[in-house]
Amino acid sequence: MTKQDELKNLETLLFEHTENENYYLTHSGSYSKRYEATYTERQFIDGKEVLMIDVGDLVHNPLHIRKDSRYTFMPFHTYRNINLNYIYSGKATYFIDNQEITLTAGDICFFDTQVVRAKMKPVHDDIIINIVMQHDYFKSLLTLDDKNLLTHFMSQTLYSNQSHNNYIIFRTGDSPQIRSLFEDLLLEQYKDRTYKMEASKHYFSLIFLELIYLSKQEDKSLIHFSDSSSNTIFNVVNYIEQHYQTTNLSELSQVFGYHEKYLSSLLKKSYGKSFKQIQIEKRLADVERYLNTSTLPISDIAERTGFTNLNQLYREFKNKHGLLPKAYRNQITGPGAGE
């Protein structure tokens, strides 16, 4: 069977009615069966009855992947584990903190464990893929690139905060890579073969790596944090990393509309680093890359990475590595390269 035939079969499987969906179609106005289940714990949070959904399958598997049922309203609920929704087709509308949040085809949303939301009734074209993850598995994804801005912010937003009511939206509708990887992940779910879960973990890791790649783009509309402070800081730090060679606090102030002193204070308080620290770290990372992969003279590397003063480069590099750039390069490539 060709890949195209497999994808056609996948479409058929995703859009055909499940037993639950047939029930909801013939019992208009009925709530999700999760709501009616007596085994689902309920708590009252801010005056609302909230379903506390616990996915038992996670005891044995790091991922639980399913298609959400259409034609039924899902009352206020939350999951005890990190939960991801991917909109394969159509849209999904949620009510969170008295706000209506709509995701459209291609969007991905990570929900923390205390995000209380209700979901409006999906119709025929609304195919919503629901993925729940073990905590340890999700933490392992964050180590795929622990120096990346996105993984830093996801770790801060989802694990370091005392409250766990944050969510992160990725607007990936224009990414054919994300679409293709989710198709591969879903194809795996409908196969009955050995190592199915290992393959699923592989595809999901690739999806996460692609999100890391997308986070390096300058388009601010791609990623949205529910916490407004995180949203601002993420965009500011992302701008610094994109323009690290030449940007300064004055430029940042003009781009984001904040006073220089306020921006400087916000970065230090929320990100734990000053503007200059972020800029120097990014410059040094690129200096290391050039030393590892090129024979460019160190003076050229300094110019390309924004160091207008060679002495500053030598000082900052030695502070980090304990040796000068030439000695660092000699350790890797041997004497003579790029002298």
C-alpha atoms as a PDB file:
ATOM      1  CA  MET A   1       0.000   0.000   0.000  1.00  0.00           C
ATOM      2  CA  THR A   2       1.370   3.431  -0.936  1.00  0.00           C
ATOM      3  CA  LYS A   3       1.659   6.310   1.539  1.00  0.00           C
ATOM      4  CA  GLN A   4      -1.105   8.120  -0.339  1.00  0.00           C
ATOM      5  CA  ASP A   5      -3.416   5.112   0.082  1.00  0.00           C
ATOM      6  CA  GLU A   6      -2.555   4.962   3.787  1.00  0.00           C
ATOM      7  CA  LEU A   7      -3.447   8.637   4.199  1.00  0.00           C
ATOM      8  CA  LYS A   8      -6.780   8.131   2.426  1.00  0.00           C
ATOM      9  CA  ASN A   9      -7.558   5.283   4.809  1.00  0.00           C
ATOM     10  CA  LEU A  10      -6.551   7.480   7.743  1.00  0.00           C
ATOM     11  CA  GLU A  11      -8.990  10.186   6.614  1.00  0.00           C
ATOM     12  CA  THR A  12     -11.755   7.592   6.376  1.00  0.00           C
ATOM     13  CA  LEU A  13     -11.018   6.261   9.858  1.00  0.00           C
ATOM     14  CA  LEU A  14     -10.880   9.714  11.429  1.00  0.00           C
ATOM     15  CA  PHE A  15     -14.108  10.957   9.869  1.00  0.00           C
ATOM     16  CA  GLU A  16     -16.225   7.832  10.235  1.00  0.00           C
ATOM     17  CA  HIS A  17     -18.572   7.846  13.226  1.00  0.00           C
ATOM     18  CA  THR A  18     -17.535   5.998  16.355  1.00  0.00           C
ATOM     19  CA  GLU A  19     -20.053   4.239  18.585  1.00  0.00           C
ATOM     20  CA  ASN A  20     -20.030   7.204  20.973  1.00  0.00           C
ATOM     21  CA  GLU A  21     -20.517   9.698  18.141  1.00  0.00           C
ATOM     22  CA  ASN A  22     -23.511   7.762  16.838  1.00  0.00           C
ATOM     23  CA  TYR A  23     -24.954   7.913  20.354  1.00  0.00           C
ATOM     24  CA  TYR A  24     -24.477  11.686  20.574  1.00  0.00           C
ATOM     25  CA  LEU A  25     -26.087  12.151  17.157  1.00  0.00           C
ATOM     26  CA  THR A  26     -29.202  10.259  18.258  1.00  0.00           C
ATOM     27  CA  HIS A  27     -29.277  11.820  21.749  1.00  0.00           C
ATOM     28  CA  SER A  28     -29.026  15.516  20.956  1.00  0.00           C
ATOM     29  CA  GLY A  29     -27.870  17.640  23.879  1.00  0.00           C
ATOM     30  CA  SER A  30     -26.252  14.771  25.767  1.00  0.00           C
ATOM     31  CA  TYR A  31     -22.979  15.459  27.541  1.00  0.00           C
ATOM     32  CA  SER A  32     -19.757  13.565  27.014  1.00  0.00           C
ATOM     33  CA  LYS A  33     -19.852  10.091  28.539  1.00  0.00           C
ATOM     34  CA  ARG A  34     -16.840  11.119  30.608  1.00  0.00           C
ATOM     35  CA  TYR A  35     -19.171  13.572  32.356  1.00  0.00           C
ATOM     36  CA  GLU A  36     -21.735  10.893  33.085  1.00  0.00           C
ATOM     37  CA  ALA A  37     -19.172   8.333  34.290  1.00  0.00           C
ATOM     38  CA  THR A  38     -19.394   7.781  38.039  1.00  0.00           C
ATOM     39  CA  TYR A  39     -15.675   6.954  38.268  1.00  0.00           C
ATOM     40  CA  THR A  40     -14.604  10.439  37.113  1.00  0.00           C
ATOM     41  CA  GLU A  41     -13.665  12.573  40.126  1.00  0.00           C
ATOM     42  CA  ARG A  42     -15.294  15.985  40.463  1.00  0.00           C
ATOM     43  CA  GLN A  43     -14.103  19.065  42.320  1.00  0.00           C
ATOM     44  CA  PHE A  44     -15.580  22.526  42.741  1.00  0.00           C
ATOM     45  CA  ILE A  45     -13.135  25.180  41.531  1.00  0.00           C
ATOM     46  CA  ASP A  46     -14.112  28.874  41.519  1.00  0.00           C
ATOM     47  CA  GLY A  47     -17.741  27.863  41.916  1.00  0.00           C
ATOM     48  CA  LYS A  48     -17.703  25.452  38.957  1.00  0.00           C
ATOM     49  CA  GLU A  49     -18.002  21.676  39.004  1.00  0.00           C
ATOM     50  CA  VAL A  50     -14.869  20.409  37.261  1.00  0.00           C
ATOM     51  CA  LEU A  51     -14.126  16.902  36.001  1.00  0.00           C
ATOM     52  CA  MET A  52     -10.656  15.719  37.049  1.00  0.00           C
ATOM     53  CA  ILE A  53      -9.696  13.378  34.206  1.00  0.00           C
ATOM     54  CA  ASP A  54      -7.126  10.717  34.985  1.00  0.00           C
ATOM     55  CA  VAL A  55      -5.935   8.587  32.043  1.00  0.00           C
ATOM     56  CA  GLY A  56      -5.209   5.135  33.437  1.00  0.00           C
ATOM     57  CA  ASP A  57      -3.349   4.043  30.307  1.00  0.00           C
ATOM     58  CA  LEU A  58      -0.423   6.296  31.322  1.00  0.00           C
ATOM     59  CA  VAL A  59       0.514   3.798  34.026  1.00  0.00           C
ATOM     60  CA  HIS A  60       1.913   1.571  31.271  1.00  0.00           C
ATOM     61  CA  ASN A  61       2.564   3.981  28.360  1.00  0.00           C
ATOM     62  CA  PRO A  62       4.166   7.455  28.172  1.00  0.00           C
ATOM     63  CA  LEU A  63       1.588   8.649  25.613  1.00  0.00           C
ATOM     64  CA  HIS A  64      -2.167   8.253  25.298  1.00  0.00           C
ATOM     65  CA  ILE A  65      -3.448   9.279  21.846  1.00  0.00           C
ATOM     66  CA  ARG A  66      -7.103   9.419  20.804  1.00  0.00           C
ATOM     67  CA  LYS A  67      -9.585  11.309  18.663  1.00  0.00           C
ATOM     68  CA  ASP A  68     -12.025  13.426  20.683  1.00  0.00           C
ATOM     69  CA  SER A  69     -15.681  12.579  20.160  1.00  0.00           C
ATOM     70  CA  ARG A  70     -17.686  15.001  18.047  1.00  0.00           C
ATOM     71  CA  TYR A  71     -21.314  16.115  18.518  1.00  0.00           C
ATOM     72  CA  THR A  72     -21.098  16.538  22.298  1.00  0.00           C
ATOM     73  CA  PHE A  73     -20.354  19.394  24.676  1.00  0.00           C
ATOM     74  CA  MET A  74     -17.526  18.756  27.148  1.00  0.00           C
ATOM     75  CA  PRO A  75     -18.239  20.546  30.472  1.00  0.00           C
ATOM     76  CA  PHE A  76     -15.513  22.124  32.580  1.00  0.00           C
ATOM     77  CA  HIS A  77     -12.661  19.702  33.014  1.00  0.00           C
ATOM     78  CA  THR A  78      -8.924  19.351  33.431  1.00  0.00           C
ATOM     79  CA  TYR A  79      -6.379  16.557  33.096  1.00  0.00           C
ATOM     80  CA  ARG A  80      -3.996  15.373  35.791  1.00  0.00           C
ATOM     81  CA  ASN A  81      -1.188  15.214  33.203  1.00  0.00           C
ATOM     82  CA  ILE A  82       0.126  17.556  30.517  1.00  0.00           C
ATOM     83  CA  ASN A  83      -2.402  17.440  27.697  1.00  0.00           C
ATOM     84  CA  LEU A  84      -2.024  18.422  24.041  1.00  0.00           C
ATOM     85  CA  ASN A  85      -4.750  19.071  21.479  1.00  0.00           C
ATOM     86  CA  TYR A  86      -3.931  19.083  17.762  1.00  0.00           C
ATOM     87  CA  ILE A  87      -6.587  20.324  15.358  1.00  0.00           C
ATOM     88  CA  TYR A  88      -6.362  17.920  12.436  1.00  0.00           C
ATOM     89  CA  SER A  89      -9.365  19.440  10.681  1.00  0.00           C
ATOM     90  CA  GLY A  90     -11.949  22.158  11.317  1.00  0.00           C
ATOM     91  CA  LYS A  91     -11.708  23.958  14.644  1.00  0.00           C
ATOM     92  CA  ALA A  92     -12.092  23.642  18.417  1.00  0.00           C
ATOM     93  CA  THR A  93     -13.532  26.300  20.715  1.00  0.00           C
ATOM     94  CA  TYR A  94     -12.791  26.352  24.452  1.00  0.00           C
ATOM     95  CA  PHE A  95     -13.910  28.526  27.359  1.00  0.00           C
ATOM     96  CA  ILE A  96     -10.962  29.294  29.656  1.00  0.00           C
ATOM     97  CA  ASP A  97     -11.006  31.976  32.380  1.00  0.00           C
ATOM     98  CA  ASN A  98     -14.200  33.486  30.926  1.00  0.00           C
ATOM     99  CA  GLN A  99     -12.543  33.810  27.527  1.00  0.00           C
ATOM    100  CA  GLU A 100     -13.405  32.060  24.287  1.00  0.00           C
ATOM    101  CA  ILE A 101     -10.312  30.502  22.692  1.00  0.00           C
ATOM    102  CA  THR A 102     -10.598  29.068  19.176  1.00  0.00           C
ATOM    103  CA  LEU A 103      -8.008  26.803  17.584  1.00  0.00           C
ATOM    104  CA  THR A 104      -8.127  26.117  13.853  1.00  0.00           C
ATOM    105  CA  ALA A 105      -6.685  23.395  11.609  1.00  0.00           C
ATOM    106  CA  GLY A 106      -2.972  22.938  12.279  1.00  0.00           C
ATOM    107  CA  ASP A 107      -3.006  24.576  15.708  1.00  0.00           C
ATOM    108  CA  ILE A 108      -1.469  22.841  18.723  1.00  0.00           C
ATOM    109  CA  CYS A 109      -2.180  23.666  22.355  1.00  0.00           C
ATOM    110  CA  PHE A 110      -0.318  22.374  25.423  1.00  0.00           C
ATOM    111  CA  PHE A 111      -2.518  22.528  28.547  1.00  0.00           C
ATOM    112  CA  ASP A 112      -0.995  22.400  32.017  1.00  0.00           C
ATOM    113  CA  THR A 113      -2.576  20.225  34.704  1.00  0.00           C
ATOM    114  CA  GLN A 114      -4.826  22.901  36.234  1.00  0.00           C
ATOM    115  CA  VAL A 115      -6.210  24.562  33.107  1.00  0.00           C
ATOM    116  CA  VAL A 116      -9.970  24.407  33.643  1.00  0.00           C
ATOM    117  CA  ARG A 117     -11.771  24.551  30.316  1.00  0.00           C
ATOM    118  CA  ALA A 118     -15.027  23.616  28.654  1.00  0.00           C
ATOM    119  CA  LYS A 119     -15.151  22.608  24.996  1.00  0.00           C
ATOM    120  CA  MET A 120     -17.953  23.504  22.604  1.00  0.00           C
ATOM    121  CA  LYS A 121     -19.624  20.756  20.596  1.00  0.00           C
ATOM    122  CA  PRO A 122     -17.444  19.772  17.593  1.00  0.00           C
ATOM    123  CA  VAL A 123     -19.260  19.164  14.307  1.00  0.00           C
ATOM    124  CA  HIS A 124     -18.501  16.696  11.502  1.00  0.00           C
ATOM    125  CA  ASP A 125     -15.395  18.471  10.127  1.00  0.00           C
ATOM    126  CA  ASP A 126     -13.847  19.088  13.562  1.00  0.00           C
ATOM    127  CA  ILE A 127     -11.242  16.375  14.082  1.00  0.00           C
ATOM    128  CA  ILE A 128      -9.407  17.022  17.364  1.00  0.00           C
ATOM    129  CA  ILE A 129      -6.497  14.797  18.350  1.00  0.00           C
ATOM    130  CA  ASN A 130      -6.039  14.505  22.109  1.00  0.00           C
ATOM    131  CA  ILE A 131      -2.645  13.468  23.509  1.00  0.00           C
ATOM    132  CA  VAL A 132      -1.947  13.024  27.226  1.00  0.00           C
ATOM    133  CA  MET A 133       1.633  12.535  28.446  1.00  0.00           C
ATOM    134  CA  GLN A 134       3.390  11.148  31.479  1.00  0.00           C
ATOM    135  CA  HIS A 135       5.171  13.935  33.374  1.00  0.00           C
ATOM    136  CA  ASP A 136       8.581  12.266  33.108  1.00  0.00           C
ATOM    137  CA  TYR A 137       8.185  11.729  29.374  1.00  0.00           C
ATOM    138  CA  PHE A 138       7.285  15.368  28.770  1.00  0.00           C
ATOM    139  CA  LYS A 139      10.227  16.522  30.883  1.00  0.00           C
ATOM    140  CA  SER A 140      12.500  14.353  28.736  1.00  0.00           C
ATOM    141  CA  LEU A 141      11.288  16.242  25.649  1.00  0.00           C
ATOM    142  CA  LEU A 142      12.356  19.511  27.240  1.00  0.00           C
ATOM    143  CA  THR A 143      15.946  18.217  27.378  1.00  0.00           C
ATOM    144  CA  LEU A 144      16.111  17.659  23.592  1.00  0.00           C
ATOM    145  CA  ASP A 145      17.550  21.168  23.360  1.00  0.00           C
ATOM    146  CA  ASP A 146      17.917  22.589  26.853  1.00  0.00           C
ATOM    147  CA  LYS A 147      19.524  25.781  25.522  1.00  0.00           C
ATOM    148  CA  ASN A 148      16.551  26.605  23.316  1.00  0.00           C
ATOM    149  CA  LEU A 149      14.364  29.584  24.204  1.00  0.00           C
ATOM    150  CA  LEU A 150      11.120  27.631  23.760  1.00  0.00           C
ATOM    151  CA  THR A 151      12.101  24.697  25.991  1.00  0.00           C
ATOM    152  CA  HIS A 152      13.304  27.165  28.635  1.00  0.00           C
ATOM    153  CA  PHE A 153       9.970  28.966  28.589  1.00  0.00           C
ATOM    154  CA  MET A 154       7.908  25.782  28.521  1.00  0.00           C
ATOM    155  CA  SER A 155       9.848  24.506  31.508  1.00  0.00           C
ATOM    156  CA  GLN A 156       9.365  27.804  33.340  1.00  0.00           C
ATOM    157  CA  THR A 157       5.690  28.117  32.408  1.00  0.00           C
ATOM    158  CA  LEU A 158       4.629  24.523  32.983  1.00  0.00           C
ATOM    159  CA  TYR A 159       6.926  23.399  35.808  1.00  0.00           C
ATOM    160  CA  SER A 160       8.511  26.284  37.691  1.00  0.00           C
ATOM    161  CA  ASN A 161       5.345  28.264  38.412  1.00  0.00           C
ATOM    162  CA  GLN A 162       3.454  27.411  41.590  1.00  0.00           C
ATOM    163  CA  SER A 163       0.176  27.471  39.693  1.00  0.00           C
ATOM    164  CA  HIS A 164      -0.339  25.094  36.793  1.00  0.00           C
ATOM    165  CA  ASN A 165      -3.081  26.912  34.915  1.00  0.00           C
ATOM    166  CA  ASN A 166      -1.051  27.958  31.887  1.00  0.00           C
ATOM    167  CA  TYR A 167      -1.374  26.917  28.278  1.00  0.00           C
ATOM    168  CA  ILE A 168       0.732  27.505  25.166  1.00  0.00           C
ATOM    169  CA  ILE A 169      -0.688  27.755  21.644  1.00  0.00           C
ATOM    170  CA  PHE A 170       1.304  27.071  18.478  1.00  0.00           C
ATOM    171  CA  ARG A 171      -0.240  28.404  15.275  1.00  0.00           C
ATOM    172  CA  THR A 172       1.340  25.871  12.900  1.00  0.00           C
ATOM    173  CA  GLY A 173      -1.319  25.746  10.182  1.00  0.00           C
ATOM    174  CA  ASP A 174       1.173  26.671   7.464  1.00  0.00           C
ATOM    175  CA  SER A 175       3.727  24.015   8.430  1.00  0.00           C
ATOM    176  CA  PRO A 176       3.642  20.984   6.100  1.00  0.00           C
ATOM    177  CA  GLN A 177       6.260  19.310   8.308  1.00  0.00           C
ATOM    178  CA  ILE A 178       4.017  19.391  11.387  1.00  0.00           C
ATOM    179  CA  ARG A 179       1.076  18.089   9.360  1.00  0.00           C
ATOM    180  CA  SER A 180       3.129  15.248   7.884  1.00  0.00           C
ATOM    181  CA  LEU A 181       4.539  14.210  11.277  1.00  0.00           C
ATOM    182  CA  PHE A 182       1.098  14.121  12.875  1.00  0.00           C
ATOM    183  CA  GLU A 183      -0.145  12.016   9.969  1.00  0.00           C
ATOM    184  CA  ASP A 184       2.705   9.553  10.586  1.00  0.00           C
ATOM    185  CA  LEU A 185       1.902   9.508  14.304  1.00  0.00           C
ATOM    186  CA  LEU A 186      -1.788   8.827  13.639  1.00  0.00           C
ATOM    187  CA  LEU A 187      -1.047   6.164  11.032  1.00  0.00           C
ATOM    188  CA  GLU A 188       0.967   4.382  13.701  1.00  0.00           C
ATOM    189  CA  GLN A 189      -2.031   4.431  16.049  1.00  0.00           C
ATOM    190  CA  TYR A 190      -4.139   2.440  13.613  1.00  0.00           C
ATOM    191  CA  LYS A 191      -1.496  -0.226  13.049  1.00  0.00           C
ATOM    192  CA  ASP A 192      -1.299  -3.390  15.112  1.00  0.00           C
ATOM    193  CA  ARG A 193       2.380  -4.206  15.307  1.00  0.00           C
ATOM    194  CA  THR A 194       5.277  -4.663  17.681  1.00  0.00           C
ATOM    195  CA  TYR A 195       7.084  -1.514  18.886  1.00  0.00           C
ATOM    196  CA  LYS A 196       4.051   0.630  18.094  1.00  0.00           C
ATOM    197  CA  MET A 197       4.585   2.790  21.191  1.00  0.00           C
ATOM    198  CA  GLU A 198       8.308   3.190  20.482  1.00  0.00           C
ATOM    199  CA  ALA A 199       7.475   4.415  16.979  1.00  0.00           C
ATOM    200  CA  SER A 200       4.852   6.804  18.384  1.00  0.00           C
ATOM    201  CA  LYS A 201       7.398   8.252  20.827  1.00  0.00           C
ATOM    202  CA  HIS A 202       9.801   8.725  17.916  1.00  0.00           C
ATOM    203  CA  TYR A 203       7.234  10.646  15.840  1.00  0.00           C
ATOM    204  CA  PHE A 204       6.172  12.766  18.802  1.00  0.00           C
ATOM    205  CA  SER A 205       9.802  13.670  19.536  1.00  0.00           C
ATOM    206  CA  LEU A 206      10.150  14.793  15.913  1.00  0.00           C
ATOM    207  CA  ILE A 207       7.008  16.912  16.286  1.00  0.00           C
ATOM    208  CA  PHE A 208       8.482  18.539  19.378  1.00  0.00           C
ATOM    209  CA  LEU A 209      11.784  19.193  17.591  1.00  0.00           C
ATOM    210  CA  GLU A 210       9.867  20.831  14.747  1.00  0.00           C
ATOM    211  CA  LEU A 211       8.128  23.095  17.280  1.00  0.00           C
ATOM    212  CA  ILE A 212      11.563  24.038  18.625  1.00  0.00           C
ATOM    213  CA  TYR A 213      12.620  24.916  15.079  1.00  0.00           C
ATOM    214  CA  LEU A 214       9.473  27.011  14.542  1.00  0.00           C
ATOM    215  CA  SER A 215      10.155  28.859  17.798  1.00  0.00           C
ATOM    216  CA  LYS A 216      13.353  30.232  16.257  1.00  0.00           C
ATOM    217  CA  GLN A 217      11.376  32.048  13.578  1.00  0.00           C
ATOM    218  CA  GLU A 218      10.723  35.743  14.068  1.00  0.00           C
ATOM    219  CA  ASP A 219       6.955  35.569  13.471  1.00  0.00           C
ATOM    220  CA  LYS A 220       5.457  36.553  16.836  1.00  0.00           C
ATOM    221  CA  SER A 221       2.047  35.148  15.913  1.00  0.00           C
ATOM    222  CA  LEU A 222       3.306  31.539  15.868  1.00  0.00           C
ATOM    223  CA  ILE A 223       3.448  31.036  19.647  1.00  0.00           C
ATOM    224  CA  HIS A 224       1.134  32.409  22.329  1.00  0.00           C
ATOM    225  CA  PHE A 225       1.518  31.942  26.096  1.00  0.00           C
ATOM    226  CA  SER A 226      -1.600  32.333  28.239  1.00  0.00           C
ATOM    227  CA  ASP A 227       0.487  34.252  30.775  1.00  0.00           C
ATOM    228  CA  SER A 228       0.919  37.754  29.311  1.00  0.00           C
ATOM    229  CA  SER A 229       4.259  38.341  31.042  1.00  0.00           C
ATOM    230  CA  SER A 230       5.701  35.136  29.550  1.00  0.00           C
ATOM    231  CA  ASN A 231       4.326  36.159  26.170  1.00  0.00           C
ATOM    232  CA  THR A 232       6.093  39.539  26.316  1.00  0.00           C
ATOM    233  CA  ILE A 233       9.392  38.169  27.602  1.00  0.00           C
ATOM    234  CA  PHE A 234       9.414  35.336  25.065  1.00  0.00           C
ATOM    235  CA  ASN A 235       8.986  37.809  22.200  1.00  0.00           C
ATOM    236  CA  VAL A 236      11.628  40.179  23.587  1.00  0.00           C
ATOM    237  CA  VAL A 237      14.227  37.428  24.125  1.00  0.00           C
ATOM    238  CA  ASN A 238      13.400  35.939  20.729  1.00  0.00           C
ATOM    239  CA  TYR A 239      14.030  39.359  19.139  1.00  0.00           C
ATOM    240  CA  ILE A 240      17.384  39.646  20.936  1.00  0.00           C
ATOM    241  CA  GLU A 241      18.401  36.195  19.693  1.00  0.00           C
ATOM    242  CA  GLN A 242      17.363  37.044  16.125  1.00  0.00           C
ATOM    243  CA  HIS A 243      19.199  40.406  16.097  1.00  0.00           C
ATOM    244  CA  TYR A 244      21.933  39.734  18.649  1.00  0.00           C
ATOM    245  CA  GLN A 245      24.747  41.162  16.498  1.00  0.00           C
ATOM    246  CA  THR A 246      23.439  44.736  16.411  1.00  0.00           C
ATOM    247  CA  THR A 247      20.415  45.270  18.659  1.00  0.00           C
ATOM    248  CA  ASN A 248      20.479  47.354  21.850  1.00  0.00           C
ATOM    249  CA  LEU A 249      18.083  48.362  24.619  1.00  0.00           C
ATOM    250  CA  SER A 250      17.092  51.538  22.798  1.00  0.00           C
ATOM    251  CA  GLU A 251      16.007  49.531  19.737  1.00  0.00           C
ATOM    252  CA  LEU A 252      14.113  47.034  21.914  1.00  0.00           C
ATOM    253  CA  SER A 253      12.321  49.901  23.612  1.00  0.00           C
ATOM    254  CA  GLN A 254      11.129  51.235  20.253  1.00  0.00           C
ATOM    255  CA  VAL A 255      10.120  47.829  18.876  1.00  0.00           C
ATOM    256  CA  PHE A 256       8.104  46.736  21.930  1.00  0.00           C
ATOM    257  CA  GLY A 257       6.926  50.096  23.239  1.00  0.00           C
ATOM    258  CA  TYR A 258       8.414  49.838  26.736  1.00  0.00           C
ATOM    259  CA  HIS A 259      10.820  52.142  28.558  1.00  0.00           C
ATOM    260  CA  GLU A 260      14.422  50.893  28.556  1.00  0.00           C
ATOM    261  CA  LYS A 261      14.604  50.670  32.357  1.00  0.00           C
ATOM    262  CA  TYR A 262      11.309  48.752  32.513  1.00  0.00           C
ATOM    263  CA  LEU A 263      12.463  46.291  29.842  1.00  0.00           C
ATOM    264  CA  SER A 264      15.773  45.765  31.593  1.00  0.00           C
ATOM    265  CA  SER A 265      14.024  45.137  34.919  1.00  0.00           C
ATOM    266  CA  LEU A 266      11.424  42.827  33.337  1.00  0.00           C
ATOM    267  CA  LEU A 267      14.101  40.699  31.677  1.00  0.00           C
ATOM    268  CA  LYS A 268      16.072  40.340  34.896  1.00  0.00           C
ATOM    269  CA  LYS A 269      12.995  39.558  36.991  1.00  0.00           C
ATOM    270  CA  SER A 270      11.164  37.201  34.616  1.00  0.00           C
ATOM    271  CA  TYR A 271      14.026  35.613  32.671  1.00  0.00           C
ATOM    272  CA  GLY A 272      16.768  35.796  35.275  1.00  0.00           C
ATOM    273  CA  LYS A 273      19.247  37.428  32.888  1.00  0.00           C
ATOM    274  CA  SER A 274      20.041  40.973  31.809  1.00  0.00           C
ATOM    275  CA  PHE A 275      19.844  42.166  28.211  1.00  0.00           C
ATOM    276  CA  LYS A 276      23.642  42.155  27.985  1.00  0.00           C
ATOM    277  CA  GLN A 277      23.902  38.607  29.371  1.00  0.00           C
ATOM    278  CA  ILE A 278      21.425  37.269  26.798  1.00  0.00           C
ATOM    279  CA  GLN A 279      23.206  39.066  23.965  1.00  0.00           C
ATOM    280  CA  ILE A 280      26.699  37.932  25.020  1.00  0.00           C
ATOM    281  CA  GLU A 281      25.556  34.315  25.470  1.00  0.00           C
ATOM    282  CA  LYS A 282      24.103  34.288  21.963  1.00  0.00           C
ATOM    283  CA  ARG A 283      27.228  35.882  20.482  1.00  0.00           C
ATOM    284  CA  LEU A 284      29.505  33.393  22.241  1.00  0.00           C
ATOM    285  CA  ALA A 285      27.370  30.466  21.078  1.00  0.00           C
ATOM    286  CA  ASP A 286      27.887  31.571  17.486  1.00  0.00           C
ATOM    287  CA  VAL A 287      31.599  32.172  18.057  1.00  0.00           C
ATOM    288  CA  GLU A 288      31.862  28.564  19.278  1.00  0.00           C
ATOM    289  CA  ARG A 289      29.959  27.357  16.212  1.00  0.00           C
ATOM    290  CA  TYR A 290      32.337  29.165  13.849  1.00  0.00           C
ATOM    291  CA  LEU A 291      35.387  27.882  15.716  1.00  0.00           C
ATOM    292  CA  ASN A 292      34.053  24.325  15.511  1.00  0.00           C
ATOM    293  CA  THR A 293      32.963  24.350  11.871  1.00  0.00           C
ATOM    294  CA  SER A 294      35.036  26.912   9.955  1.00  0.00           C
ATOM    295  CA  THR A 295      38.575  28.117   9.357  1.00  0.00           C
ATOM    296  CA  LEU A 296      37.589  31.791   9.432  1.00  0.00           C
ATOM    297  CA  PRO A 297      40.111  34.099  11.119  1.00  0.00           C
ATOM    298  CA  ILE A 298      39.045  35.041  14.633  1.00  0.00           C
ATOM    299  CA  SER A 299      38.832  38.711  13.625  1.00  0.00           C
ATOM    300  CA  ASP A 300      36.225  37.776  10.968  1.00  0.00           C
ATOM    301  CA  ILE A 301      34.295  35.664  13.477  1.00  0.00           C
ATOM    302  CA  ALA A 302      34.245  38.608  15.880  1.00  0.00           C
ATOM    303  CA  GLU A 303      32.823  40.867  13.180  1.00  0.00           C
ATOM    304  CA  ARG A 304      30.150  38.337  12.150  1.00  0.00           C
ATOM    305  CA  THR A 305      28.958  37.831  15.712  1.00  0.00           C
ATOM    306  CA  GLY A 306      28.741  41.490  16.713  1.00  0.00           C
ATOM    307  CA  PHE A 307      31.962  41.878  18.701  1.00  0.00           C
ATOM    308  CA  THR A 308      33.352  45.215  17.519  1.00  0.00           C
ATOM    309  CA  ASN A 309      36.258  44.913  19.939  1.00  0.00           C
ATOM    310  CA  LEU A 310      38.524  41.845  19.810  1.00  0.00           C
ATOM    311  CA  ASN A 311      39.590  42.404  23.405  1.00  0.00           C
ATOM    312  CA  GLN A 312      35.963  42.118  24.509  1.00  0.00           C
ATOM    313  CA  LEU A 313      35.620  38.814  22.627  1.00  0.00           C
ATOM    314  CA  TYR A 314      38.800  37.462  24.221  1.00  0.00           C
ATOM    315  CA  ARG A 315      37.675  38.555  27.695  1.00  0.00           C
ATOM    316  CA  GLU A 316      34.132  37.130  27.431  1.00  0.00           C
ATOM    317  CA  PHE A 317      35.321  33.910  25.802  1.00  0.00           C
ATOM    318  CA  LYS A 318      37.985  33.307  28.447  1.00  0.00           C
ATOM    319  CA  ASN A 319      35.475  34.026  31.236  1.00  0.00           C
ATOM    320  CA  LYS A 320      33.289  31.236  29.862  1.00  0.00           C
ATOM    321  CA  HIS A 321      35.842  28.655  28.701  1.00  0.00           C
ATOM    322  CA  GLY A 322      38.987  29.447  30.655  1.00  0.00           C
ATOM    323  CA  LEU A 323      41.018  29.804  27.455  1.00  0.00           C
ATOM    324  CA  LEU A 324      41.203  32.061  24.409  1.00  0.00           C
ATOM    325  CA  PRO A 325      39.438  31.304  21.081  1.00  0.00           C
ATOM    326  CA  LYS A 326      42.649  30.168  19.349  1.00  0.00           C
ATOM    327  CA  ALA A 327      43.441  27.642  22.086  1.00  0.00           C
ATOM    328  CA  TYR A 328      39.825  26.455  22.049  1.00  0.00           C
ATOM    329  CA  ARG A 329      39.992  25.878  18.284  1.00  0.00           C
ATOM    330  CA  ASN A 330      43.353  24.089  18.555  1.00  0.00           C
ATOM    331  CA  GLN A 331      41.820  21.608  21.001  1.00  0.00           C
ATOM    332  CA  ILE A 332      39.206  20.686  18.399  1.00  0.00           C
ATOM    333  CA  THR A 333      40.902  21.018  15.014  1.00  0.00           C
ATOM    334  CA  GLY A 334      44.591  21.097  15.850  1.00  0.00           C
ATOM    335  CA  PRO A 335      47.048  24.014  15.443  1.00  0.00           C
ATOM    336  CA  GLY A 336      46.984  26.167  12.334  1.00  0.00           C
ATOM    337  CA  ALA A 337      43.283  26.472  11.513  1.00  0.00           C
ATOM    338  CA  GLY A 338      42.112  29.997  10.862  1.00  0.00           C
ATOM    339  CA  GLU A 339      45.181  31.696  12.294  1.00  0.00           C
END
